[in-house]
Amino acid sequence: MECYPDPNFWVTGYNTQPGASARAARSKEEDSGFHAPLVRKGSKLRIARPEERHARRLEFPQTEWDLLCGVIMAFREGDIPVARAYLDRHGEGKQSLILDLLNVWAAEVPDETLKKEAKAIIFGLK
């Protein structure tokens, strides 16, 4: 039997994207942003963009997907030095995994600007 380092690695939660009426009814005091890395709308499932994630999940990452989004947001804040500091602070020992996730993000994200951003992060962190 093959054993992976973290048995919960393959368990990933998802959020259901609210419709327009549900969004309008939501209280302004309520937290905004998705806690889980995946978003479901109807029968479609997608990876949540970093700016859609809940800020607290990026401040205190619990999963590798949180780290990925945190690195991207840190890069947007202050380029590679800030992204590297974030990764060193929160992702000790997971740098290569985050680089792999960035490669997946760069390959699968539909927006060309986000692809270029991901490739710049990968280049800067290597």
N, C-alpha and C. Protein backbone atom coordinates (compact mmCIF):
# COMPACT_ATOMS: atom_id res chain seq x y z
N MET A 1 0.84 -1.18 0.00
CA MET A 1 0.00 0.00 0.00
C MET A 1 0.89 1.25 0.00
N GLU A 2 0.63 2.16 -0.92
CA GLU A 2 1.41 3.38 -1.04
C GLU A 2 0.86 4.42 -0.06
N CYS A 3 1.75 5.10 0.64
CA CYS A 3 1.33 6.10 1.63
C CYS A 3 1.86 7.47 1.22
N TYR A 4 1.00 8.47 1.22
CA TYR A 4 1.40 9.83 0.91
C TYR A 4 1.80 10.54 2.20
N PRO A 5 2.66 11.58 2.10
CA PRO A 5 3.12 12.27 3.30
C PRO A 5 1.98 12.85 4.14
N ASP A 6 0.96 13.37 3.51
CA ASP A 6 -0.16 13.97 4.22
C ASP A 6 -1.45 13.33 3.72
N PRO A 7 -2.11 12.53 4.55
CA PRO A 7 -3.31 11.84 4.07
C PRO A 7 -4.45 12.78 3.70
N ASN A 8 -4.45 14.01 4.19
CA ASN A 8 -5.51 14.96 3.88
C ASN A 8 -5.19 15.80 2.65
N PHE A 9 -4.06 15.54 1.99
CA PHE A 9 -3.66 16.34 0.84
C PHE A 9 -4.72 16.31 -0.25
N TRP A 10 -5.35 15.17 -0.48
CA TRP A 10 -6.29 15.03 -1.58
C TRP A 10 -7.71 15.45 -1.20
N VAL A 11 -7.93 15.80 0.05
CA VAL A 11 -9.24 16.24 0.49
C VAL A 11 -9.29 17.75 0.38
N THR A 12 -10.15 18.26 -0.49
CA THR A 12 -10.25 19.69 -0.72
C THR A 12 -11.71 20.10 -0.67
N GLY A 13 -12.00 21.15 0.08
CA GLY A 13 -13.36 21.65 0.15
C GLY A 13 -13.67 22.59 -1.00
N TYR A 14 -14.94 22.91 -1.15
CA TYR A 14 -15.34 23.87 -2.17
C TYR A 14 -16.45 24.76 -1.64
N ASN A 15 -16.59 25.92 -2.23
CA ASN A 15 -17.64 26.87 -1.92
C ASN A 15 -18.65 26.85 -3.05
N THR A 16 -19.88 27.19 -2.73
CA THR A 16 -20.88 27.36 -3.77
C THR A 16 -21.02 28.85 -4.02
N GLN A 17 -20.83 29.25 -5.26
CA GLN A 17 -20.91 30.67 -5.60
C GLN A 17 -22.37 31.10 -5.51
N PRO A 18 -22.65 32.11 -4.69
CA PRO A 18 -24.04 32.54 -4.53
C PRO A 18 -24.55 33.25 -5.77
N GLY A 19 -25.85 33.14 -5.99
CA GLY A 19 -26.49 33.86 -7.09
C GLY A 19 -26.67 35.31 -6.73
N ALA A 20 -27.21 36.10 -7.64
CA ALA A 20 -27.38 37.53 -7.43
C ALA A 20 -28.31 37.83 -6.26
N SER A 21 -29.39 37.10 -6.11
CA SER A 21 -30.33 37.37 -5.03
C SER A 21 -29.72 37.03 -3.67
N ALA A 22 -28.95 35.97 -3.61
CA ALA A 22 -28.30 35.61 -2.35
C ALA A 22 -27.23 36.63 -1.97
N ARG A 23 -26.51 37.13 -2.97
CA ARG A 23 -25.49 38.15 -2.72
C ARG A 23 -26.13 39.42 -2.19
N ALA A 24 -27.26 39.80 -2.75
CA ALA A 24 -27.93 41.03 -2.33
C ALA A 24 -28.47 40.90 -0.91
N ALA A 25 -28.86 39.72 -0.53
CA ALA A 25 -29.43 39.50 0.80
C ALA A 25 -28.37 39.39 1.88
N ARG A 26 -27.12 39.14 1.49
CA ARG A 26 -26.05 38.94 2.46
C ARG A 26 -25.78 40.23 3.24
N SER A 27 -25.53 40.09 4.51
CA SER A 27 -25.27 41.24 5.37
C SER A 27 -23.90 41.84 5.06
N LYS A 28 -23.79 43.16 5.18
CA LYS A 28 -22.51 43.83 4.91
C LYS A 28 -21.48 43.51 5.97
N GLU A 29 -21.92 43.16 7.18
CA GLU A 29 -20.98 42.84 8.26
C GLU A 29 -20.35 41.47 8.08
N GLU A 30 -20.96 40.65 7.27
CA GLU A 30 -20.47 39.29 7.06
C GLU A 30 -19.11 39.30 6.38
N ASP A 31 -18.29 38.30 6.67
CA ASP A 31 -16.98 38.18 6.03
C ASP A 31 -17.16 37.97 4.53
N SER A 32 -16.26 38.53 3.77
CA SER A 32 -16.31 38.31 2.33
C SER A 32 -15.11 37.48 1.89
N GLY A 33 -15.29 36.75 0.84
CA GLY A 33 -14.23 35.91 0.32
C GLY A 33 -14.50 34.45 0.59
N PHE A 34 -13.93 33.62 -0.27
CA PHE A 34 -14.12 32.18 -0.15
C PHE A 34 -13.08 31.58 0.78
N HIS A 35 -13.51 30.69 1.65
CA HIS A 35 -12.57 30.01 2.55
C HIS A 35 -11.91 28.83 1.84
N ALA A 36 -12.65 28.11 1.03
CA ALA A 36 -12.12 26.94 0.33
C ALA A 36 -11.51 27.37 -1.02
N PRO A 37 -10.57 26.60 -1.54
CA PRO A 37 -9.88 26.99 -2.77
C PRO A 37 -10.69 26.77 -4.05
N LEU A 38 -11.74 25.98 -3.98
CA LEU A 38 -12.54 25.70 -5.17
C LEU A 38 -13.91 26.34 -5.06
N VAL A 39 -14.45 26.75 -6.20
CA VAL A 39 -15.76 27.39 -6.24
C VAL A 39 -16.63 26.62 -7.23
N ARG A 40 -17.85 26.29 -6.80
CA ARG A 40 -18.79 25.58 -7.65
C ARG A 40 -19.94 26.51 -8.00
N LYS A 41 -20.25 26.58 -9.28
CA LYS A 41 -21.41 27.32 -9.75
C LYS A 41 -22.13 26.41 -10.73
N GLY A 42 -23.29 25.91 -10.32
CA GLY A 42 -24.00 24.93 -11.12
C GLY A 42 -23.20 23.64 -11.15
N SER A 43 -22.91 23.16 -12.34
CA SER A 43 -22.12 21.93 -12.46
C SER A 43 -20.64 22.22 -12.75
N LYS A 44 -20.24 23.48 -12.76
CA LYS A 44 -18.85 23.86 -13.04
C LYS A 44 -18.08 24.06 -11.74
N LEU A 45 -16.84 23.61 -11.75
CA LEU A 45 -15.95 23.76 -10.61
C LEU A 45 -14.69 24.46 -11.10
N ARG A 46 -14.25 25.48 -10.35
CA ARG A 46 -13.06 26.22 -10.75
C ARG A 46 -12.23 26.56 -9.51
N ILE A 47 -10.98 26.92 -9.75
CA ILE A 47 -10.11 27.37 -8.67
C ILE A 47 -10.42 28.84 -8.42
N ALA A 48 -10.61 29.21 -7.15
CA ALA A 48 -10.88 30.60 -6.80
C ALA A 48 -9.66 31.45 -7.07
N ARG A 49 -9.86 32.62 -7.64
CA ARG A 49 -8.76 33.55 -7.87
C ARG A 49 -8.27 34.07 -6.52
N PRO A 50 -7.00 34.41 -6.41
CA PRO A 50 -6.45 34.86 -5.13
C PRO A 50 -7.22 36.03 -4.50
N GLU A 51 -7.66 36.96 -5.33
CA GLU A 51 -8.39 38.11 -4.78
C GLU A 51 -9.79 37.74 -4.30
N GLU A 52 -10.28 36.57 -4.64
CA GLU A 52 -11.58 36.09 -4.17
C GLU A 52 -11.49 35.35 -2.84
N ARG A 53 -10.30 35.00 -2.43
CA ARG A 53 -10.12 34.23 -1.21
C ARG A 53 -10.30 35.11 0.02
N HIS A 54 -10.67 34.50 1.11
CA HIS A 54 -10.85 35.20 2.37
C HIS A 54 -9.48 35.62 2.90
N ALA A 55 -9.36 36.88 3.31
CA ALA A 55 -8.06 37.43 3.73
C ALA A 55 -7.46 36.67 4.90
N ARG A 56 -8.28 36.22 5.81
CA ARG A 56 -7.76 35.50 6.98
C ARG A 56 -7.11 34.17 6.60
N ARG A 57 -7.64 33.51 5.56
CA ARG A 57 -7.04 32.26 5.10
C ARG A 57 -5.66 32.50 4.50
N LEU A 58 -5.43 33.70 3.96
CA LEU A 58 -4.12 34.01 3.39
C LEU A 58 -3.15 34.45 4.48
N GLU A 59 -3.66 35.10 5.53
CA GLU A 59 -2.80 35.50 6.65
C GLU A 59 -2.34 34.30 7.46
N PHE A 60 -3.23 33.33 7.62
CA PHE A 60 -2.93 32.12 8.38
C PHE A 60 -3.29 30.91 7.51
N PRO A 61 -2.43 30.59 6.53
CA PRO A 61 -2.76 29.51 5.58
C PRO A 61 -2.85 28.15 6.26
N GLN A 62 -3.88 27.41 5.86
CA GLN A 62 -4.08 26.07 6.40
C GLN A 62 -3.77 24.98 5.38
N THR A 63 -3.82 25.31 4.10
CA THR A 63 -3.57 24.33 3.05
C THR A 63 -2.56 24.89 2.06
N GLU A 64 -2.11 24.02 1.17
CA GLU A 64 -1.18 24.46 0.14
C GLU A 64 -1.85 25.44 -0.83
N TRP A 65 -3.16 25.28 -1.05
CA TRP A 65 -3.88 26.22 -1.92
C TRP A 65 -3.91 27.61 -1.30
N ASP A 66 -4.02 27.68 0.04
CA ASP A 66 -3.96 28.97 0.72
C ASP A 66 -2.58 29.61 0.52
N LEU A 67 -1.54 28.77 0.61
CA LEU A 67 -0.18 29.27 0.38
C LEU A 67 -0.01 29.80 -1.04
N LEU A 68 -0.56 29.08 -2.01
CA LEU A 68 -0.47 29.52 -3.40
C LEU A 68 -1.09 30.90 -3.57
N CYS A 69 -2.30 31.06 -3.08
CA CYS A 69 -2.97 32.36 -3.20
C CYS A 69 -2.24 33.44 -2.42
N GLY A 70 -1.71 33.07 -1.26
CA GLY A 70 -0.96 34.03 -0.45
C GLY A 70 0.31 34.51 -1.14
N VAL A 71 1.01 33.59 -1.80
CA VAL A 71 2.22 33.96 -2.55
C VAL A 71 1.87 34.91 -3.69
N ILE A 72 0.79 34.62 -4.40
CA ILE A 72 0.38 35.48 -5.51
C ILE A 72 0.00 36.87 -5.01
N MET A 73 -0.74 36.93 -3.91
CA MET A 73 -1.14 38.24 -3.37
C MET A 73 0.07 38.99 -2.81
N ALA A 74 1.02 38.27 -2.21
CA ALA A 74 2.23 38.91 -1.71
C ALA A 74 3.05 39.47 -2.87
N PHE A 75 3.10 38.73 -3.98
CA PHE A 75 3.80 39.22 -5.17
C PHE A 75 3.16 40.51 -5.67
N ARG A 76 1.85 40.57 -5.65
CA ARG A 76 1.15 41.78 -6.09
C ARG A 76 1.42 42.96 -5.17
N GLU A 77 1.66 42.66 -3.89
CA GLU A 77 1.96 43.71 -2.91
C GLU A 77 3.33 44.32 -3.12
N GLY A 78 4.32 43.47 -3.37
CA GLY A 78 5.68 44.01 -3.40
C GLY A 78 6.67 43.18 -4.18
N ASP A 79 6.24 42.50 -5.22
CA ASP A 79 7.09 41.75 -6.11
C ASP A 79 7.73 40.56 -5.41
N ILE A 80 8.84 40.05 -5.96
CA ILE A 80 9.46 38.81 -5.51
C ILE A 80 9.95 38.85 -4.06
N PRO A 81 10.58 39.92 -3.58
CA PRO A 81 11.04 39.89 -2.19
C PRO A 81 9.91 39.65 -1.18
N VAL A 82 8.76 40.24 -1.41
CA VAL A 82 7.63 40.06 -0.50
C VAL A 82 7.05 38.65 -0.65
N ALA A 83 6.97 38.15 -1.88
CA ALA A 83 6.48 36.80 -2.11
C ALA A 83 7.41 35.77 -1.48
N ARG A 84 8.71 35.96 -1.61
CA ARG A 84 9.68 35.02 -1.02
C ARG A 84 9.59 35.06 0.50
N ALA A 85 9.44 36.24 1.08
CA ALA A 85 9.31 36.35 2.54
C ALA A 85 8.04 35.64 3.03
N TYR A 86 6.95 35.80 2.30
CA TYR A 86 5.70 35.12 2.65
C TYR A 86 5.89 33.61 2.60
N LEU A 87 6.51 33.13 1.54
CA LEU A 87 6.72 31.70 1.38
C LEU A 87 7.66 31.15 2.46
N ASP A 88 8.70 31.90 2.80
CA ASP A 88 9.62 31.46 3.86
C ASP A 88 8.92 31.43 5.22
N ARG A 89 8.04 32.40 5.46
CA ARG A 89 7.36 32.50 6.74
C ARG A 89 6.29 31.42 6.90
N HIS A 90 5.52 31.16 5.86
CA HIS A 90 4.38 30.26 5.98
C HIS A 90 4.57 28.89 5.34
N GLY A 91 5.51 28.77 4.41
CA GLY A 91 5.62 27.52 3.66
C GLY A 91 6.91 26.78 3.84
N GLU A 92 7.41 26.75 5.04
CA GLU A 92 8.69 26.08 5.26
C GLU A 92 8.61 24.62 4.85
N GLY A 93 9.52 24.24 3.97
CA GLY A 93 9.57 22.87 3.48
C GLY A 93 8.60 22.57 2.35
N LYS A 94 7.80 23.55 1.95
CA LYS A 94 6.80 23.31 0.90
C LYS A 94 7.07 24.16 -0.35
N GLN A 95 8.27 24.71 -0.45
CA GLN A 95 8.57 25.59 -1.57
C GLN A 95 8.42 24.91 -2.92
N SER A 96 8.92 23.68 -3.04
CA SER A 96 8.83 23.00 -4.33
C SER A 96 7.38 22.65 -4.68
N LEU A 97 6.58 22.32 -3.68
CA LEU A 97 5.16 22.04 -3.91
C LEU A 97 4.43 23.29 -4.40
N ILE A 98 4.74 24.43 -3.80
CA ILE A 98 4.10 25.69 -4.20
C ILE A 98 4.54 26.05 -5.62
N LEU A 99 5.79 25.82 -5.96
CA LEU A 99 6.24 26.06 -7.34
C LEU A 99 5.50 25.15 -8.31
N ASP A 100 5.26 23.90 -7.93
CA ASP A 100 4.48 23.00 -8.78
C ASP A 100 3.05 23.50 -8.95
N LEU A 101 2.44 23.96 -7.86
CA LEU A 101 1.08 24.50 -7.95
C LEU A 101 1.05 25.77 -8.81
N LEU A 102 2.09 26.58 -8.72
CA LEU A 102 2.18 27.77 -9.58
C LEU A 102 2.26 27.37 -11.05
N ASN A 103 2.98 26.30 -11.34
CA ASN A 103 3.04 25.81 -12.72
C ASN A 103 1.67 25.36 -13.21
N VAL A 104 0.92 24.69 -12.35
CA VAL A 104 -0.44 24.27 -12.70
C VAL A 104 -1.32 25.51 -12.91
N TRP A 105 -1.20 26.47 -12.01
CA TRP A 105 -1.97 27.72 -12.13
C TRP A 105 -1.65 28.41 -13.45
N ALA A 106 -0.37 28.51 -13.78
CA ALA A 106 0.05 29.18 -15.02
C ALA A 106 -0.47 28.43 -16.24
N ALA A 107 -0.55 27.12 -16.17
CA ALA A 107 -1.00 26.34 -17.32
C ALA A 107 -2.52 26.38 -17.49
N GLU A 108 -3.25 26.49 -16.40
CA GLU A 108 -4.70 26.33 -16.46
C GLU A 108 -5.51 27.62 -16.36
N VAL A 109 -4.92 28.68 -15.85
CA VAL A 109 -5.70 29.92 -15.69
C VAL A 109 -6.02 30.50 -17.08
N PRO A 110 -7.28 30.90 -17.31
CA PRO A 110 -7.67 31.35 -18.66
C PRO A 110 -7.18 32.75 -19.03
N ASP A 111 -6.87 33.58 -18.05
CA ASP A 111 -6.47 34.96 -18.31
C ASP A 111 -4.97 35.04 -18.61
N GLU A 112 -4.61 35.64 -19.73
CA GLU A 112 -3.20 35.74 -20.15
C GLU A 112 -2.37 36.57 -19.17
N THR A 113 -2.96 37.60 -18.58
CA THR A 113 -2.25 38.43 -17.60
C THR A 113 -1.87 37.61 -16.38
N LEU A 114 -2.79 36.77 -15.91
CA LEU A 114 -2.51 35.92 -14.75
C LEU A 114 -1.47 34.86 -15.08
N LYS A 115 -1.46 34.37 -16.31
CA LYS A 115 -0.42 33.41 -16.74
C LYS A 115 0.96 34.06 -16.65
N LYS A 116 1.07 35.28 -17.18
CA LYS A 116 2.35 35.98 -17.15
C LYS A 116 2.79 36.26 -15.71
N GLU A 117 1.84 36.63 -14.87
CA GLU A 117 2.14 36.88 -13.46
C GLU A 117 2.68 35.61 -12.79
N ALA A 118 2.04 34.49 -13.03
CA ALA A 118 2.48 33.23 -12.44
C ALA A 118 3.87 32.84 -12.93
N LYS A 119 4.12 33.03 -14.22
CA LYS A 119 5.45 32.71 -14.75
C LYS A 119 6.52 33.62 -14.18
N ALA A 120 6.18 34.88 -13.93
CA ALA A 120 7.14 35.81 -13.30
C ALA A 120 7.44 35.38 -11.87
N ILE A 121 6.44 34.92 -11.15
CA ILE A 121 6.65 34.45 -9.77
C ILE A 121 7.54 33.20 -9.78
N ILE A 122 7.24 32.27 -10.67
CA ILE A 122 8.04 31.05 -10.76
C ILE A 122 9.49 31.39 -11.07
N PHE A 123 9.70 32.28 -12.04
CA PHE A 123 11.07 32.67 -12.41
C PHE A 123 11.78 33.33 -11.23
N GLY A 124 11.08 34.20 -10.51
CA GLY A 124 11.70 34.91 -9.40
C GLY A 124 11.99 34.03 -8.19
N LEU A 125 11.19 33.02 -7.97
CA LEU A 125 11.38 32.16 -6.80
C LEU A 125 12.39 31.05 -7.01
N LYS A 126 12.74 30.75 -8.28
CA LYS A 126 13.71 29.68 -8.54
C LYS A 126 15.11 30.12 -8.23
